PDB file of N, CA and C in Angstrom:
ATOM      1  N   MET A   1      76.831 -28.830  10.077  1.00  0.00           N
ATOM      2  CA  MET A   1      75.518 -29.421   9.882  1.00  0.00           C
ATOM      3  C   MET A   1      75.422 -30.100   8.520  1.00  0.00           C
ATOM      4  N   LYS A   2      76.018 -29.473   7.506  1.00  0.00           N
ATOM      5  CA  LYS A   2      75.954 -30.052   6.171  1.00  0.00           C
ATOM      6  C   LYS A   2      76.750 -31.354   6.110  1.00  0.00           C
ATOM      7  N   LEU A   3      77.886 -31.363   6.779  1.00  0.00           N
ATOM      8  CA  LEU A   3      78.707 -32.568   6.804  1.00  0.00           C
ATOM      9  C   LEU A   3      78.021 -33.666   7.602  1.00  0.00           C
ATOM     10  N   LEU A   4      77.287 -33.291   8.637  1.00  0.00           N
ATOM     11  CA  LEU A   4      76.559 -34.262   9.440  1.00  0.00           C
ATOM     12  C   LEU A   4      75.520 -34.983   8.594  1.00  0.00           C
ATOM     13  N   LEU A   5      74.816 -34.266   7.741  1.00  0.00           N
ATOM     14  CA  LEU A   5      73.827 -34.878   6.857  1.00  0.00           C
ATOM     15  C   LEU A   5      74.487 -35.891   5.936  1.00  0.00           C
ATOM     16  N   LEU A   6      75.638 -35.546   5.409  1.00  0.00           N
ATOM     17  CA  LEU A   6      76.370 -36.458   4.536  1.00  0.00           C
ATOM     18  C   LEU A   6      76.819 -37.702   5.297  1.00  0.00           C
ATOM     19  N   LEU A   7      77.296 -37.525   6.514  1.00  0.00           N
ATOM     20  CA  LEU A   7      77.743 -38.661   7.316  1.00  0.00           C
ATOM     21  C   LEU A   7      76.587 -39.579   7.704  1.00  0.00           C
ATOM     22  N   ILE A   8      75.444 -39.002   8.017  1.00  0.00           N
ATOM     23  CA  ILE A   8      74.263 -39.817   8.329  1.00  0.00           C
ATOM     24  C   ILE A   8      73.855 -40.634   7.108  1.00  0.00           C
ATOM     25  N   GLY A   9      73.883 -40.017   5.935  1.00  0.00           N
ATOM     26  CA  GLY A   9      73.537 -40.730   4.713  1.00  0.00           C
ATOM     27  C   GLY A   9      74.486 -41.876   4.425  1.00  0.00           C
ATOM     28  N   VAL A  10      75.771 -41.656   4.620  1.00  0.00           N
ATOM     29  CA  VAL A  10      76.756 -42.710   4.399  1.00  0.00           C
ATOM     30  C   VAL A  10      76.534 -43.844   5.398  1.00  0.00           C
ATOM     31  N   PHE A  11      76.225 -43.508   6.641  1.00  0.00           N
ATOM     32  CA  PHE A  11      75.979 -44.532   7.656  1.00  0.00           C
ATOM     33  C   PHE A  11      74.749 -45.369   7.299  1.00  0.00           C
ATOM     34  N   VAL A  12      73.644 -44.717   6.932  1.00  0.00           N
ATOM     35  CA  VAL A  12      72.416 -45.437   6.572  1.00  0.00           C
ATOM     36  C   VAL A  12      72.661 -46.324   5.360  1.00  0.00           C
ATOM     37  N   LEU A  13      73.393 -45.802   4.392  1.00  0.00           N
ATOM     38  CA  LEU A  13      73.712 -46.580   3.201  1.00  0.00           C
ATOM     39  C   LEU A  13      74.572 -47.786   3.557  1.00  0.00           C
ATOM     40  N   ALA A  14      75.539 -47.593   4.444  1.00  0.00           N
ATOM     41  CA  ALA A  14      76.399 -48.704   4.860  1.00  0.00           C
ATOM     42  C   ALA A  14      75.607 -49.766   5.612  1.00  0.00           C
ATOM     43  N   VAL A  15      74.689 -49.346   6.468  1.00  0.00           N
ATOM     44  CA  VAL A  15      73.873 -50.299   7.216  1.00  0.00           C
ATOM     45  C   VAL A  15      73.028 -51.140   6.262  1.00  0.00           C
ATOM     46  N   GLY A  16      72.590 -50.548   5.159  1.00  0.00           N
ATOM     47  CA  GLY A  16      71.808 -51.298   4.185  1.00  0.00           C
ATOM     48  C   GLY A  16      72.656 -52.157   3.269  1.00  0.00           C
ATOM     49  N   LEU A  17      73.844 -51.682   2.895  1.00  0.00           N
ATOM     50  CA  LEU A  17      74.656 -52.383   1.901  1.00  0.00           C
ATOM     51  C   LEU A  17      75.554 -53.485   2.463  1.00  0.00           C
ATOM     52  N   VAL A  18      76.157 -53.256   3.617  1.00  0.00           N
ATOM     53  CA  VAL A  18      77.145 -54.211   4.128  1.00  0.00           C
ATOM     54  C   VAL A  18      76.553 -55.602   4.337  1.00  0.00           C
ATOM     55  N   PRO A  19      75.400 -55.739   5.002  1.00  0.00           N
ATOM     56  CA  PRO A  19      74.846 -57.093   5.141  1.00  0.00           C
ATOM     57  C   PRO A  19      74.489 -57.727   3.790  1.00  0.00           C
ATOM     58  N   LEU A  20      74.072 -56.896   2.843  1.00  0.00           N
ATOM     59  CA  LEU A  20      73.744 -57.406   1.516  1.00  0.00           C
ATOM     60  C   LEU A  20      74.993 -57.928   0.819  1.00  0.00           C
ATOM     61  N   LEU A  21      76.099 -57.218   0.981  1.00  0.00           N
ATOM     62  CA  LEU A  21      77.348 -57.616   0.337  1.00  0.00           C
ATOM     63  C   LEU A  21      77.957 -58.863   0.966  1.00  0.00           C
ATOM     64  N   ILE A  22      77.783 -59.048   2.270  1.00  0.00           N
ATOM     65  CA  ILE A  22      78.368 -60.221   2.909  1.00  0.00           C
ATOM     66  C   ILE A  22      77.383 -61.374   3.021  1.00  0.00           C
ATOM     67  N   GLY A  23      76.155 -61.180   2.575  1.00  0.00           N
ATOM     68  CA  GLY A  23      75.206 -62.283   2.463  1.00  0.00           C
ATOM     69  C   GLY A  23      74.339 -62.543   3.674  1.00  0.00           C
ATOM     70  N   PHE A  24      74.286 -61.614   4.620  1.00  0.00           N
ATOM     71  CA  PHE A  24      73.421 -61.797   5.783  1.00  0.00           C
ATOM     72  C   PHE A  24      72.190 -60.929   5.646  1.00  0.00           C
ATOM     73  N   GLU A  25      71.086 -61.402   6.241  1.00  0.00           N
ATOM     74  CA  GLU A  25      69.904 -60.564   6.290  1.00  0.00           C
ATOM     75  C   GLU A  25      70.083 -59.547   7.400  1.00  0.00           C
ATOM     76  N   LEU A  26      69.633 -58.328   7.152  1.00  0.00           N
ATOM     77  CA  LEU A  26      69.892 -57.235   8.078  1.00  0.00           C
ATOM     78  C   LEU A  26      69.076 -57.342   9.360  1.00  0.00           C
ATOM     79  N   LEU A  27      67.799 -57.467   9.227  1.00  0.00           N
ATOM     80  CA  LEU A  27      66.922 -57.440  10.386  1.00  0.00           C
ATOM     81  C   LEU A  27      66.114 -58.726  10.463  1.00  0.00           C
ATOM     82  N   PRO A  28      65.860 -59.199  11.671  1.00  0.00           N
ATOM     83  CA  PRO A  28      64.933 -60.333  11.779  1.00  0.00           C
ATOM     84  C   PRO A  28      63.542 -59.882  11.336  1.00  0.00           C
ATOM     85  N   LEU A  29      62.795 -60.795  10.814  1.00  0.00           N
ATOM     86  CA  LEU A  29      61.470 -60.434  10.302  1.00  0.00           C
ATOM     87  C   LEU A  29      60.505 -60.175  11.446  1.00  0.00           C
ATOM     88  N   THR A  30      59.912 -59.020  11.440  1.00  0.00           N
ATOM     89  CA  THR A  30      58.889 -58.725  12.439  1.00  0.00           C
ATOM     90  C   THR A  30      57.511 -59.039  11.877  1.00  0.00           C
ATOM     91  N   LEU A  31      57.355 -58.871  10.593  1.00  0.00           N
ATOM     92  CA  LEU A  31      56.108 -59.233   9.920  1.00  0.00           C
ATOM     93  C   LEU A  31      56.430 -60.321   8.898  1.00  0.00           C
ATOM     94  N   PRO A  32      55.796 -61.469   8.987  1.00  0.00           N
ATOM     95  CA  PRO A  32      56.169 -62.577   8.101  1.00  0.00           C
ATOM     96  C   PRO A  32      55.974 -62.273   6.616  1.00  0.00           C
ATOM     97  N   GLU A  33      55.069 -61.371   6.278  1.00  0.00           N
ATOM     98  CA  GLU A  33      54.807 -61.111   4.863  1.00  0.00           C
ATOM     99  C   GLU A  33      55.764 -60.100   4.261  1.00  0.00           C
ATOM    100  N   ILE A  34      56.601 -59.456   5.076  1.00  0.00           N
ATOM    101  CA  ILE A  34      57.564 -58.487   4.543  1.00  0.00           C
ATOM    102  C   ILE A  34      58.975 -59.063   4.695  1.00  0.00           C
ATOM    103  N   PRO A  35      59.635 -59.391   3.591  1.00  0.00           N
ATOM    104  CA  PRO A  35      60.980 -59.974   3.689  1.00  0.00           C
ATOM    105  C   PRO A  35      62.020 -58.946   4.111  1.00  0.00           C
ATOM    106  N   ALA A  36      63.130 -59.441   4.637  1.00  0.00           N
ATOM    107  CA  ALA A  36      64.209 -58.555   5.094  1.00  0.00           C
ATOM    108  C   ALA A  36      64.795 -57.753   3.938  1.00  0.00           C
ATOM    109  N   VAL A  37      64.699 -58.276   2.714  1.00  0.00           N
ATOM    110  CA  VAL A  37      65.218 -57.551   1.557  1.00  0.00           C
ATOM    111  C   VAL A  37      64.488 -56.229   1.385  1.00  0.00           C
ATOM    112  N   ALA A  38      63.223 -56.185   1.737  1.00  0.00           N
ATOM    113  CA  ALA A  38      62.466 -54.936   1.635  1.00  0.00           C
ATOM    114  C   ALA A  38      63.011 -53.894   2.610  1.00  0.00           C
ATOM    115  N   TYR A  39      63.348 -54.329   3.817  1.00  0.00           N
ATOM    116  CA  TYR A  39      63.932 -53.402   4.786  1.00  0.00           C
ATOM    117  C   TYR A  39      65.275 -52.885   4.278  1.00  0.00           C
ATOM    118  N   GLN A  40      66.079 -53.790   3.724  1.00  0.00           N
ATOM    119  CA  GLN A  40      67.387 -53.385   3.206  1.00  0.00           C
ATOM    120  C   GLN A  40      67.231 -52.425   2.037  1.00  0.00           C
ATOM    121  N   SER A  41      66.269 -52.670   1.171  1.00  0.00           N
ATOM    122  CA  SER A  41      66.046 -51.789   0.026  1.00  0.00           C
ATOM    123  C   SER A  41      65.682 -50.382   0.477  1.00  0.00           C
ATOM    124  N   VAL A  42      64.826 -50.289   1.498  1.00  0.00           N
ATOM    125  CA  VAL A  42      64.438 -48.979   2.018  1.00  0.00           C
ATOM    126  C   VAL A  42      65.645 -48.267   2.604  1.00  0.00           C
ATOM    127  N   LEU A  43      66.489 -48.983   3.353  1.00  0.00           N
ATOM    128  CA  LEU A  43      67.686 -48.365   3.926  1.00  0.00           C
ATOM    129  C   LEU A  43      68.644 -47.889   2.837  1.00  0.00           C
ATOM    130  N   ILE A  44      68.833 -48.707   1.813  1.00  0.00           N
ATOM    131  CA  ILE A  44      69.757 -48.341   0.736  1.00  0.00           C
ATOM    132  C   ILE A  44      69.250 -47.111  -0.007  1.00  0.00           C
ATOM    133  N   LEU A  45      67.967 -47.106  -0.369  1.00  0.00           N
ATOM    134  CA  LEU A  45      67.408 -45.948  -1.076  1.00  0.00           C
ATOM    135  C   LEU A  45      67.416 -44.693  -0.209  1.00  0.00           C
ATOM    136  N   SER A  46      67.105 -44.845   1.071  1.00  0.00           N
ATOM    137  CA  SER A  46      67.142 -43.692   1.978  1.00  0.00           C
ATOM    138  C   SER A  46      68.555 -43.143   2.088  1.00  0.00           C
ATOM    139  N   GLY A  47      69.521 -44.031   2.199  1.00  0.00           N
ATOM    140  CA  GLY A  47      70.915 -43.599   2.284  1.00  0.00           C
ATOM    141  C   GLY A  47      71.361 -42.851   1.049  1.00  0.00           C
ATOM    142  N   ILE A  48      70.970 -43.345  -0.118  1.00  0.00           N
ATOM    143  CA  ILE A  48      71.328 -42.678  -1.370  1.00  0.00           C
ATOM    144  C   ILE A  48      70.718 -41.276  -1.422  1.00  0.00           C
ATOM    145  N   ILE A  49      69.455 -41.169  -1.035  1.00  0.00           N
ATOM    146  CA  ILE A  49      68.782 -39.864  -1.062  1.00  0.00           C
ATOM    147  C   ILE A  49      69.442 -38.898  -0.085  1.00  0.00           C
ATOM    148  N   ILE A  50      69.760 -39.378   1.120  1.00  0.00           N
ATOM    149  CA  ILE A  50      70.387 -38.495   2.116  1.00  0.00           C
ATOM    150  C   ILE A  50      71.770 -38.062   1.648  1.00  0.00           C
ATOM    151  N   VAL A  51      72.532 -38.989   1.054  1.00  0.00           N
ATOM    152  CA  VAL A  51      73.867 -38.639   0.554  1.00  0.00           C
ATOM    153  C   VAL A  51      73.769 -37.597  -0.555  1.00  0.00           C
ATOM    154  N   ILE A  52      72.835 -37.763  -1.463  1.00  0.00           N
ATOM    155  CA  ILE A  52      72.664 -36.790  -2.550  1.00  0.00           C
ATOM    156  C   ILE A  52      72.336 -35.411  -1.984  1.00  0.00           C
ATOM    157  N   HIS A  53      71.443 -35.358  -1.006  1.00  0.00           N
ATOM    158  CA  HIS A  53      71.112 -34.062  -0.402  1.00  0.00           C
ATOM    159  C   HIS A  53      72.310 -33.471   0.337  1.00  0.00           C
ATOM    160  N   GLY A  54      73.079 -34.313   1.009  1.00  0.00           N
ATOM    161  CA  GLY A  54      74.268 -33.827   1.697  1.00  0.00           C
ATOM    162  C   GLY A  54      75.300 -33.275   0.738  1.00  0.00           C
ATOM    163  N   VAL A  55      75.505 -33.950  -0.374  1.00  0.00           N
ATOM    164  CA  VAL A  55      76.466 -33.473  -1.377  1.00  0.00           C
ATOM    165  C   VAL A  55      75.981 -32.164  -1.985  1.00  0.00           C
ATOM    166  N   ARG A  56      74.690 -32.074  -2.283  1.00  0.00           N
ATOM    167  CA  ARG A  56      74.153 -30.836  -2.855  1.00  0.00           C
ATOM    168  C   ARG A  56      74.272 -29.675  -1.874  1.00  0.00           C
ATOM    169  N   ASP A  57      74.007 -29.937  -0.592  1.00  0.00           N
ATOM    170  CA  ASP A  57      74.139 -28.874   0.411  1.00  0.00           C
ATOM    171  C   ASP A  57      75.580 -28.421   0.547  1.00  0.00           C
ATOM    172  N   ASN A  58      76.521 -29.360   0.528  1.00  0.00           N
ATOM    173  CA  ASN A  58      77.933 -28.996   0.635  1.00  0.00           C
ATOM    174  C   ASN A  58      78.399 -28.217  -0.592  1.00  0.00           C
ATOM    175  N   ALA A  59      77.883 -28.576  -1.756  1.00  0.00           N
ATOM    176  CA  ALA A  59      78.286 -27.888  -2.979  1.00  0.00           C
ATOM    177  C   ALA A  59      77.678 -26.478  -3.043  1.00  0.00           C
ATOM    178  N   ALA A  60      76.502 -26.326  -2.441  1.00  0.00           N
ATOM    179  CA  ALA A  60      75.818 -25.035  -2.497  1.00  0.00           C
ATOM    180  C   ALA A  60      76.480 -23.989  -1.600  1.00  0.00           C
ATOM    181  N   GLY A  61      77.195 -24.431  -0.627  1.00  0.00           N
ATOM    182  CA  GLY A  61      77.827 -23.412   0.194  1.00  0.00           C
ATOM    183  C   GLY A  61      78.198 -23.967   1.480  1.00  0.00           C
TER     184      GLY A  61
END
């Protein structure tokens, strides 16, 4: 279970980072006032938080 949390975090982080690194927008805009960069930022930050929690859980036991 602890490893699963870490893997989910890495996946979410990759989904946010890879399109940013290769220059594509991740998601088509569903709301015109919210740019795709905002969606990517949320994915990247969520991935970082999940990875940190996964690493802490693995280190704790």
